[in-house]
Amino acid sequence: MVDMKPAGFGSIRLLIPALLIAFAVTGCGRQPSKHPSKVLVAAGIAPMANFAKKVGGDLVRVELIVPPNASPHTYQPSPHQMKMLTRASVLVLNGVKLEFWADKLVEAANNPRLIVVNTSDGLPLLTESDDKVHGGANPHVWLDPINAIRQVEAIRNGLVKADPTHARIYAQNARRFIQEIKKLHADISDEVKKWRSRSFISFHPAWAYFARRYGLREAAVIEKSPGREPSPSEIKQVVDIACAIRARAIFAETQFSTKPAEVIAEEIGAKLAILDPIGKPPDYDYIKTMRANLDQMAKALR
């Protein structure tokens, strides 16, 4: 049986004893903050970091855990990031086991005041029978703007719990940002109505929630399980599906090699669109990134 755990998963377990000793020697790793008046928020992925910044504004300092151009499916947090969690007030997670390292990281931090916000709690999840890493559920919930609104609300609630003195400001910031996301949702809905093609092939199941929201069909994926390259027979299967549905678009992603998608696109004469589901910090903006992705999709599916 193939072991579907992300590569290096056990290394976190090996790091924990050494880290706990280091924390003990340095007073649990808590050093005077350079930003004593700000709430320290750790965020697993760039979209959650952006949401936290939008809600927290000048009251928070947000530290991103998964860095630019890294895949959250396989990334391993550094000892520095583990130590940072000993001082953090809030940890914002996408959830659905996307941050597969989260439980071990929180355990190592041993920070009793840390508020963990799992932003996907209560969202209707899509299943992925081929994905054993995320417990059979698709974690890419933020790519549906309506889900993103729920995630922003969860972050607002977490910040209010950590810093109730500024509850009104967090509520105002969240309300303003949610209005922006609602406008994004309306614009996407209007744009998708213009598309002649409703089916596409994606690199991995990132766009399933987007497809469900806007009446599209993610007909097949090239990489079914995170970090495992498709075999020649799997690529042939995708080509067969793409031909059968006359797919006009193959969606590749900036975080992964585009080669398999290029091969399939060339084989069937489809357009190749490069999408970015998770963004590029430090200037990542959810609204701008989603609009850029929409533009790429429109060029391929109109």
C-alpha atoms as a PDB file:
ATOM      1  CA  MET A   1       0.000   0.000   0.000  1.00  0.00           C
ATOM      2  CA  VAL A   2       1.284   3.440  -0.889  1.00  0.00           C
ATOM      3  CA  ASP A   3       1.926   5.744   2.076  1.00  0.00           C
ATOM      4  CA  MET A   4      -0.025   8.919   1.304  1.00  0.00           C
ATOM      5  CA  LYS A   5       1.459  11.032   4.126  1.00  0.00           C
ATOM      6  CA  PRO A   6       3.245  14.149   2.915  1.00  0.00           C
ATOM      7  CA  ALA A   7       6.978  13.661   2.638  1.00  0.00           C
ATOM      8  CA  GLY A   8       8.799  14.465   5.830  1.00  0.00           C
ATOM      9  CA  PHE A   9       5.700  14.280   8.021  1.00  0.00           C
ATOM     10  CA  GLY A  10       7.572  12.339  10.693  1.00  0.00           C
ATOM     11  CA  SER A  11      10.256  15.000  10.938  1.00  0.00           C
ATOM     12  CA  ILE A  12       7.882  17.267  12.859  1.00  0.00           C
ATOM     13  CA  ARG A  13       7.476  14.553  15.473  1.00  0.00           C
ATOM     14  CA  LEU A  14      11.261  14.251  15.770  1.00  0.00           C
ATOM     15  CA  LEU A  15      11.673  18.013  16.151  1.00  0.00           C
ATOM     16  CA  ILE A  16       9.211  18.400  18.997  1.00  0.00           C
ATOM     17  CA  PRO A  17      11.352  17.057  21.913  1.00  0.00           C
ATOM     18  CA  ALA A  18      14.291  19.254  20.903  1.00  0.00           C
ATOM     19  CA  LEU A  19      12.053  22.262  20.487  1.00  0.00           C
ATOM     20  CA  LEU A  20      10.412  21.769  23.855  1.00  0.00           C
ATOM     21  CA  ILE A  21      13.850  21.702  25.486  1.00  0.00           C
ATOM     22  CA  ALA A  22      14.815  24.867  23.624  1.00  0.00           C
ATOM     23  CA  PHE A  23      11.627  26.589  24.758  1.00  0.00           C
ATOM     24  CA  ALA A  24      12.291  25.622  28.364  1.00  0.00           C
ATOM     25  CA  VAL A  25      15.857  26.972  28.260  1.00  0.00           C
ATOM     26  CA  THR A  26      14.721  30.297  26.773  1.00  0.00           C
ATOM     27  CA  GLY A  27      11.768  30.819  29.067  1.00  0.00           C
ATOM     28  CA  CYS A  28       9.324  29.034  26.731  1.00  0.00           C
ATOM     29  CA  GLY A  29      10.735  31.040  23.853  1.00  0.00           C
ATOM     30  CA  ARG A  30       8.893  34.231  24.806  1.00  0.00           C
ATOM     31  CA  GLN A  31      11.001  37.276  24.054  1.00  0.00           C
ATOM     32  CA  PRO A  32       9.958  40.917  24.255  1.00  0.00           C
ATOM     33  CA  SER A  33       7.931  41.765  21.148  1.00  0.00           C
ATOM     34  CA  LYS A  34       9.020  44.488  18.741  1.00  0.00           C
ATOM     35  CA  HIS A  35       5.325  45.309  18.393  1.00  0.00           C
ATOM     36  CA  PRO A  36       4.040  45.135  22.004  1.00  0.00           C
ATOM     37  CA  SER A  37       0.772  46.893  21.235  1.00  0.00           C
ATOM     38  CA  LYS A  38      -0.195  44.594  18.346  1.00  0.00           C
ATOM     39  CA  VAL A  39      -1.923  41.231  18.532  1.00  0.00           C
ATOM     40  CA  LEU A  40       0.411  38.593  17.075  1.00  0.00           C
ATOM     41  CA  VAL A  41      -1.497  36.409  14.613  1.00  0.00           C
ATOM     42  CA  ALA A  42      -0.003  33.385  12.863  1.00  0.00           C
ATOM     43  CA  ALA A  43      -1.692  32.268   9.648  1.00  0.00           C
ATOM     44  CA  GLY A  44      -1.189  28.982   7.848  1.00  0.00           C
ATOM     45  CA  ILE A  45      -1.583  30.126   4.236  1.00  0.00           C
ATOM     46  CA  ALA A  46      -1.571  33.441   2.372  1.00  0.00           C
ATOM     47  CA  PRO A  47      -5.365  33.792   1.979  1.00  0.00           C
ATOM     48  CA  MET A  48      -5.872  33.365   5.734  1.00  0.00           C
ATOM     49  CA  ALA A  49      -3.073  35.867   6.418  1.00  0.00           C
ATOM     50  CA  ASN A  50      -4.739  38.379   4.085  1.00  0.00           C
ATOM     51  CA  PHE A  51      -8.123  37.848   5.757  1.00  0.00           C
ATOM     52  CA  ALA A  52      -6.537  38.385   9.185  1.00  0.00           C
ATOM     53  CA  LYS A  53      -4.854  41.599   8.035  1.00  0.00           C
ATOM     54  CA  LYS A  54      -8.097  42.909   6.570  1.00  0.00           C
ATOM     55  CA  VAL A  55     -10.012  42.227   9.783  1.00  0.00           C
ATOM     56  CA  GLY A  56      -7.246  43.172  12.206  1.00  0.00           C
ATOM     57  CA  GLY A  57      -5.930  46.242  10.411  1.00  0.00           C
ATOM     58  CA  ASP A  58      -3.357  48.208  12.399  1.00  0.00           C
ATOM     59  CA  LEU A  59      -4.200  46.287  15.567  1.00  0.00           C
ATOM     60  CA  VAL A  60      -2.509  43.053  14.459  1.00  0.00           C
ATOM     61  CA  ARG A  61       0.825  41.748  13.233  1.00  0.00           C
ATOM     62  CA  VAL A  62       0.344  38.738  10.972  1.00  0.00           C
ATOM     63  CA  GLU A  63       3.063  36.122  10.471  1.00  0.00           C
ATOM     64  CA  LEU A  64       2.616  33.758   7.505  1.00  0.00           C
ATOM     65  CA  ILE A  65       3.729  30.160   7.993  1.00  0.00           C
ATOM     66  CA  VAL A  66       3.689  28.692   4.452  1.00  0.00           C
ATOM     67  CA  PRO A  67       6.033  30.945   2.411  1.00  0.00           C
ATOM     68  CA  PRO A  68       5.701  32.165  -1.193  1.00  0.00           C
ATOM     69  CA  ASN A  69       5.710  29.512  -3.938  1.00  0.00           C
ATOM     70  CA  ALA A  70       5.563  26.657  -1.424  1.00  0.00           C
ATOM     71  CA  SER A  71       2.779  24.087  -1.444  1.00  0.00           C
ATOM     72  CA  PRO A  72       0.831  23.889   1.837  1.00  0.00           C
ATOM     73  CA  HIS A  73       0.268  20.198   1.090  1.00  0.00           C
ATOM     74  CA  THR A  74       3.946  19.395   1.694  1.00  0.00           C
ATOM     75  CA  TYR A  75       5.499  22.369   3.537  1.00  0.00           C
ATOM     76  CA  GLN A  76       7.175  21.764   6.906  1.00  0.00           C
ATOM     77  CA  PRO A  77       7.185  24.687   9.407  1.00  0.00           C
ATOM     78  CA  SER A  78      10.618  25.819  10.561  1.00  0.00           C
ATOM     79  CA  PRO A  79      11.819  25.799  14.182  1.00  0.00           C
ATOM     80  CA  HIS A  80      11.666  29.614  14.086  1.00  0.00           C
ATOM     81  CA  GLN A  81       7.985  29.455  13.165  1.00  0.00           C
ATOM     82  CA  MET A  82       7.314  26.910  15.878  1.00  0.00           C
ATOM     83  CA  LYS A  83       8.979  29.225  18.385  1.00  0.00           C
ATOM     84  CA  MET A  84       6.946  32.182  17.105  1.00  0.00           C
ATOM     85  CA  LEU A  85       3.757  30.353  18.088  1.00  0.00           C
ATOM     86  CA  THR A  86       4.796  30.467  21.738  1.00  0.00           C
ATOM     87  CA  ARG A  87       4.156  34.242  21.607  1.00  0.00           C
ATOM     88  CA  ALA A  88       1.155  34.317  19.283  1.00  0.00           C
ATOM     89  CA  SER A  89      -2.351  35.108  20.461  1.00  0.00           C
ATOM     90  CA  VAL A  90      -4.185  33.642  17.459  1.00  0.00           C
ATOM     91  CA  LEU A  91      -3.432  30.897  14.936  1.00  0.00           C
ATOM     92  CA  VAL A  92      -5.617  31.100  11.820  1.00  0.00           C
ATOM     93  CA  LEU A  93      -5.982  27.868   9.873  1.00  0.00           C
ATOM     94  CA  ASN A  94      -7.838  27.060   6.698  1.00  0.00           C
ATOM     95  CA  GLY A  95      -8.493  23.619   8.153  1.00  0.00           C
ATOM     96  CA  VAL A  96      -9.628  20.404   6.420  1.00  0.00           C
ATOM     97  CA  LYS A  97      -6.106  19.140   7.226  1.00  0.00           C
ATOM     98  CA  LEU A  98      -4.518  21.476   4.665  1.00  0.00           C
ATOM     99  CA  GLU A  99      -2.156  22.499   7.470  1.00  0.00           C
ATOM    100  CA  PHE A 100      -1.474  18.847   8.257  1.00  0.00           C
ATOM    101  CA  TRP A 101       1.221  19.923  10.718  1.00  0.00           C
ATOM    102  CA  ALA A 102      -1.058  22.125  12.847  1.00  0.00           C
ATOM    103  CA  ASP A 103      -1.762  19.772  15.760  1.00  0.00           C
ATOM    104  CA  LYS A 104       1.928  18.962  16.256  1.00  0.00           C
ATOM    105  CA  LEU A 105       2.861  22.617  15.933  1.00  0.00           C
ATOM    106  CA  VAL A 106       0.356  23.731  18.571  1.00  0.00           C
ATOM    107  CA  GLU A 107       1.472  20.926  20.876  1.00  0.00           C
ATOM    108  CA  ALA A 108       5.116  21.961  20.536  1.00  0.00           C
ATOM    109  CA  ALA A 109       4.319  25.625  21.181  1.00  0.00           C
ATOM    110  CA  ASN A 110       2.674  24.797  24.518  1.00  0.00           C
ATOM    111  CA  ASN A 111       0.957  28.190  24.533  1.00  0.00           C
ATOM    112  CA  PRO A 112      -2.182  28.004  26.699  1.00  0.00           C
ATOM    113  CA  ARG A 113      -3.423  31.438  25.600  1.00  0.00           C
ATOM    114  CA  LEU A 114      -3.203  30.618  21.887  1.00  0.00           C
ATOM    115  CA  ILE A 115      -6.625  30.796  20.198  1.00  0.00           C
ATOM    116  CA  VAL A 116      -6.799  28.417  17.229  1.00  0.00           C
ATOM    117  CA  VAL A 117      -9.305  29.499  14.570  1.00  0.00           C
ATOM    118  CA  ASN A 118     -10.258  26.698  12.186  1.00  0.00           C
ATOM    119  CA  THR A 119     -11.984  28.778   9.533  1.00  0.00           C
ATOM    120  CA  SER A 120     -13.536  25.837   7.658  1.00  0.00           C
ATOM    121  CA  ASP A 121     -15.554  24.586  10.636  1.00  0.00           C
ATOM    122  CA  GLY A 122     -19.189  24.246   9.607  1.00  0.00           C
ATOM    123  CA  LEU A 123     -18.603  24.705   5.884  1.00  0.00           C
ATOM    124  CA  PRO A 124     -20.123  22.159   3.459  1.00  0.00           C
ATOM    125  CA  LEU A 125     -17.137  20.137   2.283  1.00  0.00           C
ATOM    126  CA  LEU A 126     -16.553  18.316  -0.981  1.00  0.00           C
ATOM    127  CA  THR A 127     -15.093  14.824  -0.789  1.00  0.00           C
ATOM    128  CA  GLU A 128     -12.034  13.573  -2.644  1.00  0.00           C
ATOM    129  CA  SER A 129     -11.908   9.793  -2.633  1.00  0.00           C
ATOM    130  CA  ASP A 130      -8.343   9.733  -4.012  1.00  0.00           C
ATOM    131  CA  ASP A 131      -6.973  12.143  -1.411  1.00  0.00           C
ATOM    132  CA  LYS A 132      -5.872  10.370   1.762  1.00  0.00           C
ATOM    133  CA  VAL A 133      -3.791  13.341   2.978  1.00  0.00           C
ATOM    134  CA  HIS A 134      -6.768  15.530   3.884  1.00  0.00           C
ATOM    135  CA  GLY A 135      -8.989  12.780   5.239  1.00  0.00           C
ATOM    136  CA  GLY A 136     -10.924  12.436   1.995  1.00  0.00           C
ATOM    137  CA  ALA A 137     -12.134  16.068   1.996  1.00  0.00           C
ATOM    138  CA  ASN A 138     -11.172  18.852  -0.403  1.00  0.00           C
ATOM    139  CA  PRO A 139      -9.477  21.687   1.564  1.00  0.00           C
ATOM    140  CA  HIS A 140      -9.651  24.500  -1.032  1.00  0.00           C
ATOM    141  CA  VAL A 141     -12.721  26.133   0.476  1.00  0.00           C
ATOM    142  CA  TRP A 142     -11.484  29.762   0.212  1.00  0.00           C
ATOM    143  CA  LEU A 143     -11.734  29.666  -3.600  1.00  0.00           C
ATOM    144  CA  ASP A 144     -15.501  29.941  -3.229  1.00  0.00           C
ATOM    145  CA  PRO A 145     -16.056  33.590  -2.181  1.00  0.00           C
ATOM    146  CA  ILE A 146     -19.163  32.695  -0.177  1.00  0.00           C
ATOM    147  CA  ASN A 147     -17.046  30.280   1.868  1.00  0.00           C
ATOM    148  CA  ALA A 148     -14.435  33.031   2.198  1.00  0.00           C
ATOM    149  CA  ILE A 149     -17.037  35.255   3.848  1.00  0.00           C
ATOM    150  CA  ARG A 150     -17.649  32.582   6.481  1.00  0.00           C
ATOM    151  CA  GLN A 151     -13.898  32.310   7.029  1.00  0.00           C
ATOM    152  CA  VAL A 152     -13.582  36.068   7.528  1.00  0.00           C
ATOM    153  CA  GLU A 153     -16.365  35.911  10.102  1.00  0.00           C
ATOM    154  CA  ALA A 154     -14.544  33.127  11.960  1.00  0.00           C
ATOM    155  CA  ILE A 155     -11.348  35.208  12.034  1.00  0.00           C
ATOM    156  CA  ARG A 156     -13.289  38.215  13.312  1.00  0.00           C
ATOM    157  CA  ASN A 157     -14.671  36.100  16.140  1.00  0.00           C
ATOM    158  CA  GLY A 158     -11.207  34.801  17.008  1.00  0.00           C
ATOM    159  CA  LEU A 159      -9.710  38.286  17.160  1.00  0.00           C
ATOM    160  CA  VAL A 160     -12.589  39.530  19.305  1.00  0.00           C
ATOM    161  CA  LYS A 161     -11.964  36.664  21.708  1.00  0.00           C
ATOM    162  CA  ALA A 162      -8.246  37.437  21.859  1.00  0.00           C
ATOM    163  CA  ASP A 163      -8.696  41.210  22.077  1.00  0.00           C
ATOM    164  CA  PRO A 164     -12.259  42.076  23.205  1.00  0.00           C
ATOM    165  CA  THR A 165     -11.321  45.722  23.832  1.00  0.00           C
ATOM    166  CA  HIS A 166     -11.272  46.341  20.076  1.00  0.00           C
ATOM    167  CA  ALA A 167     -14.284  44.200  19.168  1.00  0.00           C
ATOM    168  CA  ARG A 168     -16.089  47.067  17.448  1.00  0.00           C
ATOM    169  CA  ILE A 169     -13.123  47.826  15.168  1.00  0.00           C
ATOM    170  CA  TYR A 170     -12.748  44.172  14.178  1.00  0.00           C
ATOM    171  CA  ALA A 171     -16.470  44.007  13.389  1.00  0.00           C
ATOM    172  CA  GLN A 172     -16.307  47.157  11.252  1.00  0.00           C
ATOM    173  CA  ASN A 173     -13.238  45.948   9.339  1.00  0.00           C
ATOM    174  CA  ALA A 174     -14.818  42.552   8.715  1.00  0.00           C
ATOM    175  CA  ARG A 175     -18.055  44.124   7.507  1.00  0.00           C
ATOM    176  CA  ARG A 176     -16.177  46.327   5.043  1.00  0.00           C
ATOM    177  CA  PHE A 177     -14.117  43.437   3.684  1.00  0.00           C
ATOM    178  CA  ILE A 178     -17.155  41.169   3.369  1.00  0.00           C
ATOM    179  CA  GLN A 179     -18.796  43.802   1.168  1.00  0.00           C
ATOM    180  CA  GLU A 180     -15.771  43.637  -1.127  1.00  0.00           C
ATOM    181  CA  ILE A 181     -16.044  39.848  -1.314  1.00  0.00           C
ATOM    182  CA  LYS A 182     -19.764  40.086  -2.099  1.00  0.00           C
ATOM    183  CA  LYS A 183     -18.943  42.423  -4.984  1.00  0.00           C
ATOM    184  CA  LEU A 184     -16.336  39.915  -6.189  1.00  0.00           C
ATOM    185  CA  HIS A 185     -18.941  37.137  -6.058  1.00  0.00           C
ATOM    186  CA  ALA A 186     -21.412  39.207  -8.078  1.00  0.00           C
ATOM    187  CA  ASP A 187     -18.795  40.029 -10.714  1.00  0.00           C
ATOM    188  CA  ILE A 188     -17.737  36.392 -11.048  1.00  0.00           C
ATOM    189  CA  SER A 189     -21.369  35.319 -11.425  1.00  0.00           C
ATOM    190  CA  ASP A 190     -21.890  37.882 -14.202  1.00  0.00           C
ATOM    191  CA  GLU A 191     -18.685  36.907 -16.005  1.00  0.00           C
ATOM    192  CA  VAL A 192     -19.273  33.147 -15.913  1.00  0.00           C
ATOM    193  CA  LYS A 193     -22.635  33.610 -17.667  1.00  0.00           C
ATOM    194  CA  LYS A 194     -20.689  34.739 -20.762  1.00  0.00           C
ATOM    195  CA  TRP A 195     -18.609  31.565 -21.039  1.00  0.00           C
ATOM    196  CA  ARG A 196     -19.357  29.137 -23.855  1.00  0.00           C
ATOM    197  CA  SER A 197     -17.508  26.261 -22.195  1.00  0.00           C
ATOM    198  CA  ARG A 198     -18.454  25.039 -18.724  1.00  0.00           C
ATOM    199  CA  SER A 199     -15.941  22.176 -18.275  1.00  0.00           C
ATOM    200  CA  PHE A 200     -12.227  22.248 -17.588  1.00  0.00           C
ATOM    201  CA  ILE A 201      -9.288  20.075 -16.495  1.00  0.00           C
ATOM    202  CA  SER A 202      -7.268  21.283 -13.496  1.00  0.00           C
ATOM    203  CA  PHE A 203      -3.864  20.362 -12.149  1.00  0.00           C
ATOM    204  CA  HIS A 204      -5.233  19.274  -8.786  1.00  0.00           C
ATOM    205  CA  PRO A 205      -8.693  19.634  -7.206  1.00  0.00           C
ATOM    206  CA  ALA A 206      -8.222  23.267  -6.197  1.00  0.00           C
ATOM    207  CA  TRP A 207     -11.149  24.679  -8.179  1.00  0.00           C
ATOM    208  CA  ALA A 208     -13.887  22.244  -7.192  1.00  0.00           C
ATOM    209  CA  TYR A 209     -15.584  24.692  -4.781  1.00  0.00           C
ATOM    210  CA  PHE A 210     -15.367  27.487  -7.342  1.00  0.00           C
ATOM    211  CA  ALA A 211     -16.894  25.177  -9.943  1.00  0.00           C
ATOM    212  CA  ARG A 212     -19.719  24.139  -7.630  1.00  0.00           C
ATOM    213  CA  ARG A 213     -20.578  27.743  -6.770  1.00  0.00           C
ATOM    214  CA  TYR A 214     -20.693  28.975 -10.362  1.00  0.00           C
ATOM    215  CA  GLY A 215     -22.143  25.998 -12.209  1.00  0.00           C
ATOM    216  CA  LEU A 216     -18.895  24.808 -13.799  1.00  0.00           C
ATOM    217  CA  ARG A 217     -17.530  21.293 -14.082  1.00  0.00           C
ATOM    218  CA  GLU A 218     -14.061  20.218 -12.982  1.00  0.00           C
ATOM    219  CA  ALA A 219     -14.086  17.145 -15.241  1.00  0.00           C
ATOM    220  CA  ALA A 220     -10.713  15.700 -14.232  1.00  0.00           C
ATOM    221  CA  VAL A 221      -7.522  16.513 -12.346  1.00  0.00           C
ATOM    222  CA  ILE A 222      -3.945  15.780 -13.364  1.00  0.00           C
ATOM    223  CA  GLU A 223      -2.489  15.246  -9.880  1.00  0.00           C
ATOM    224  CA  LYS A 224      -5.029  13.424  -7.744  1.00  0.00           C
ATOM    225  CA  SER A 225      -3.000  13.336  -4.544  1.00  0.00           C
ATOM    226  CA  PRO A 226      -0.771  16.189  -3.283  1.00  0.00           C
ATOM    227  CA  GLY A 227       2.910  15.770  -4.083  1.00  0.00           C
ATOM    228  CA  ARG A 228       2.513  12.631  -6.214  1.00  0.00           C
ATOM    229  CA  GLU A 229       3.278  13.103  -9.898  1.00  0.00           C
ATOM    230  CA  PRO A 230       0.816  11.503 -12.310  1.00  0.00           C
ATOM    231  CA  SER A 231       1.852   8.294 -14.057  1.00  0.00           C
ATOM    232  CA  PRO A 232       1.763   8.000 -17.865  1.00  0.00           C
ATOM    233  CA  SER A 233      -1.422   5.930 -17.601  1.00  0.00           C
ATOM    234  CA  GLU A 234      -3.058   8.630 -15.429  1.00  0.00           C
ATOM    235  CA  ILE A 235      -2.097  11.322 -17.925  1.00  0.00           C
ATOM    236  CA  LYS A 236      -3.597   9.211 -20.726  1.00  0.00           C
ATOM    237  CA  GLN A 237      -6.797   8.868 -18.708  1.00  0.00           C
ATOM    238  CA  VAL A 238      -7.008  12.648 -18.335  1.00  0.00           C
ATOM    239  CA  VAL A 239      -6.380  13.078 -22.071  1.00  0.00           C
ATOM    240  CA  ASP A 240      -9.207  10.634 -22.832  1.00  0.00           C
ATOM    241  CA  ILE A 241     -11.608  12.529 -20.550  1.00  0.00           C
ATOM    242  CA  ALA A 242     -10.552  15.865 -21.994  1.00  0.00           C
ATOM    243  CA  CYS A 243     -11.162  14.597 -25.525  1.00  0.00           C
ATOM    244  CA  ALA A 244     -14.531  13.112 -24.583  1.00  0.00           C
ATOM    245  CA  ILE A 245     -15.827  16.395 -23.157  1.00  0.00           C
ATOM    246  CA  ARG A 246     -13.996  18.507 -25.744  1.00  0.00           C
ATOM    247  CA  ALA A 247     -12.289  20.458 -22.985  1.00  0.00           C
ATOM    248  CA  ARG A 248     -11.130  23.878 -24.115  1.00  0.00           C
ATOM    249  CA  ALA A 249      -9.050  24.663 -21.021  1.00  0.00           C
ATOM    250  CA  ILE A 250      -6.363  23.027 -18.922  1.00  0.00           C
ATOM    251  CA  PHE A 251      -5.647  24.854 -15.638  1.00  0.00           C
ATOM    252  CA  ALA A 252      -2.072  24.659 -14.366  1.00  0.00           C
ATOM    253  CA  GLU A 253      -0.821  26.330 -11.171  1.00  0.00           C
ATOM    254  CA  THR A 254       2.109  28.519 -10.240  1.00  0.00           C
ATOM    255  CA  GLN A 255       3.074  26.347  -7.248  1.00  0.00           C
ATOM    256  CA  PHE A 256       3.617  23.206  -9.352  1.00  0.00           C
ATOM    257  CA  SER A 257       5.378  22.169 -12.551  1.00  0.00           C
ATOM    258  CA  THR A 258       3.256  23.077 -15.563  1.00  0.00           C
ATOM    259  CA  LYS A 259       4.799  20.346 -17.739  1.00  0.00           C
ATOM    260  CA  PRO A 260       2.051  17.696 -17.384  1.00  0.00           C
ATOM    261  CA  ALA A 261      -0.632  20.304 -18.111  1.00  0.00           C
ATOM    262  CA  GLU A 262       1.312  21.578 -21.127  1.00  0.00           C
ATOM    263  CA  VAL A 263       1.571  18.040 -22.518  1.00  0.00           C
ATOM    264  CA  ILE A 264      -2.165  17.457 -22.186  1.00  0.00           C
ATOM    265  CA  ALA A 265      -3.096  20.854 -23.594  1.00  0.00           C
ATOM    266  CA  GLU A 266      -0.891  20.297 -26.631  1.00  0.00           C
ATOM    267  CA  GLU A 267      -2.254  16.782 -27.119  1.00  0.00           C
ATOM    268  CA  ILE A 268      -5.895  17.883 -27.266  1.00  0.00           C
ATOM    269  CA  GLY A 269      -5.467  21.394 -28.642  1.00  0.00           C
ATOM    270  CA  ALA A 270      -6.780  23.137 -25.529  1.00  0.00           C
ATOM    271  CA  LYS A 271      -5.750  26.475 -24.060  1.00  0.00           C
ATOM    272  CA  LEU A 272      -3.457  26.480 -21.018  1.00  0.00           C
ATOM    273  CA  ALA A 273      -4.378  28.862 -18.193  1.00  0.00           C
ATOM    274  CA  ILE A 274      -1.967  29.450 -15.299  1.00  0.00           C
ATOM    275  CA  LEU A 275      -3.947  29.979 -12.102  1.00  0.00           C
ATOM    276  CA  ASP A 276      -2.798  30.877  -8.615  1.00  0.00           C
ATOM    277  CA  PRO A 277      -5.042  29.410  -5.912  1.00  0.00           C
ATOM    278  CA  ILE A 278      -2.887  30.394  -2.945  1.00  0.00           C
ATOM    279  CA  GLY A 279      -1.196  33.640  -3.960  1.00  0.00           C
ATOM    280  CA  LYS A 280       2.236  35.214  -3.685  1.00  0.00           C
ATOM    281  CA  PRO A 281       3.092  36.961  -0.387  1.00  0.00           C
ATOM    282  CA  PRO A 282       4.046  39.456   0.878  1.00  0.00           C
ATOM    283  CA  ASP A 283       1.763  41.585  -1.306  1.00  0.00           C
ATOM    284  CA  TYR A 284      -0.923  38.939  -1.746  1.00  0.00           C
ATOM    285  CA  ASP A 285      -4.470  40.283  -1.950  1.00  0.00           C
ATOM    286  CA  TYR A 286      -7.393  37.851  -2.092  1.00  0.00           C
ATOM    287  CA  ILE A 287      -9.659  40.078  -4.179  1.00  0.00           C
ATOM    288  CA  LYS A 288      -6.967  40.964  -6.736  1.00  0.00           C
ATOM    289  CA  THR A 289      -5.766  37.360  -6.994  1.00  0.00           C
ATOM    290  CA  MET A 290      -9.265  36.013  -7.542  1.00  0.00           C
ATOM    291  CA  ARG A 291      -9.904  38.627 -10.232  1.00  0.00           C
ATOM    292  CA  ALA A 292      -6.623  37.720 -11.950  1.00  0.00           C
ATOM    293  CA  ASN A 293      -7.628  34.042 -11.880  1.00  0.00           C
ATOM    294  CA  LEU A 294     -11.030  34.950 -13.302  1.00  0.00           C
ATOM    295  CA  ASP A 295      -9.353  36.798 -16.186  1.00  0.00           C
ATOM    296  CA  GLN A 296      -7.244  33.730 -16.982  1.00  0.00           C
ATOM    297  CA  MET A 297     -10.293  31.476 -16.903  1.00  0.00           C
ATOM    298  CA  ALA A 298     -12.299  33.830 -19.103  1.00  0.00           C
ATOM    299  CA  LYS A 299      -9.598  33.832 -21.798  1.00  0.00           C
ATOM    300  CA  ALA A 300      -9.784  30.041 -21.932  1.00  0.00           C
ATOM    301  CA  LEU A 301     -13.523  29.406 -21.511  1.00  0.00           C
ATOM    302  CA  ARG A 302     -15.279  32.305 -23.260  1.00  0.00           C
END
